[in-house]
Amino acid sequence: MNRSKIVAIVTGAISILLAIAYLIIVQILDYRDMQPAPISQINSTPLVMTDTTQYISVDKMLSWVE
């Protein structure tokens, strides 16, 4: 076998091993029992936003064009 064919086989084997390792890691992480955080541990403060921009009427916009 020539060198390029050996490199292709080795690269394919490494790719398959990485894919299998990835799937195993995903399964392990997915298997964990993930519980949502209790409400008492979530630091949330109410946020009030107001819109202070002034709207420009269409008439004023058109007067600038003229």
Protein backbone atom coordinates (compact mmCIF):
# COMPACT_ATOMS: atom_id res chain seq x y z
CA MET A 1 0.00 0.00 0.00
CA ASN A 2 1.22 3.44 -0.76
CA ARG A 3 1.68 6.20 1.81
CA SER A 4 -1.46 8.20 0.94
CA LYS A 5 -3.70 5.17 1.46
CA ILE A 6 -2.15 4.50 4.88
CA VAL A 7 -2.60 8.14 5.90
CA ALA A 8 -6.26 7.99 4.81
CA ILE A 9 -6.90 4.83 6.84
CA VAL A 10 -5.19 6.24 9.95
CA THR A 11 -7.07 9.53 9.62
CA GLY A 12 -10.37 7.68 9.26
CA ALA A 13 -9.64 5.54 12.32
CA ILE A 14 -8.81 8.62 14.39
CA SER A 15 -12.01 10.28 13.20
CA ILE A 16 -14.12 7.27 14.18
CA LEU A 17 -12.43 7.07 17.61
CA LEU A 18 -13.09 10.77 18.23
CA ALA A 19 -16.74 10.37 17.19
CA ILE A 20 -17.22 7.42 19.55
CA ALA A 21 -15.51 9.32 22.41
CA TYR A 22 -17.77 12.31 21.75
CA LEU A 23 -20.90 10.15 21.85
CA ILE A 24 -19.78 8.53 25.11
CA ILE A 25 -19.13 11.93 26.70
CA VAL A 26 -22.53 13.23 25.56
CA GLN A 27 -24.26 10.16 26.98
CA ILE A 28 -22.48 10.56 30.33
CA LEU A 29 -23.38 14.25 30.55
CA ASP A 30 -26.96 13.56 29.49
CA TYR A 31 -27.30 10.78 32.06
CA ARG A 32 -26.70 13.17 34.96
CA ASP A 33 -29.81 14.21 36.84
CA MET A 34 -30.07 17.92 36.20
CA GLN A 35 -32.38 19.73 38.59
CA PRO A 36 -33.35 23.38 38.10
CA ALA A 37 -32.03 25.83 40.68
CA PRO A 38 -34.44 26.67 43.49
CA ILE A 39 -36.07 30.07 43.25
CA SER A 40 -34.35 31.16 46.48
CA GLN A 41 -30.92 30.79 44.84
CA ILE A 42 -31.75 32.92 41.81
CA ASN A 43 -30.79 36.55 42.38
CA SER A 44 -33.20 38.48 40.24
CA THR A 45 -34.07 42.09 40.80
CA PRO A 46 -36.98 43.69 39.02
CA LEU A 47 -35.98 45.89 36.13
CA VAL A 48 -38.09 48.82 35.01
CA MET A 49 -37.39 50.35 31.62
CA THR A 50 -38.95 53.51 30.30
CA ASP A 51 -38.81 54.91 26.82
CA THR A 52 -37.63 58.50 26.98
CA THR A 53 -37.12 59.09 23.28
CA GLN A 54 -39.20 61.71 21.54
CA TYR A 55 -40.94 60.66 18.41
CA ILE A 56 -40.70 62.89 15.35
CA SER A 57 -43.84 63.30 13.32
CA VAL A 58 -43.84 62.59 9.62
CA ASP A 59 -44.64 66.24 8.87
CA LYS A 60 -41.45 67.40 10.60
CA MET A 61 -39.41 64.80 8.75
CA LEU A 62 -40.81 65.91 5.39
CA SER A 63 -40.21 69.58 6.19
CA TRP A 64 -36.49 68.82 6.54
CA VAL A 65 -36.45 67.33 3.07
CA GLU A 66 -37.85 70.43 1.40
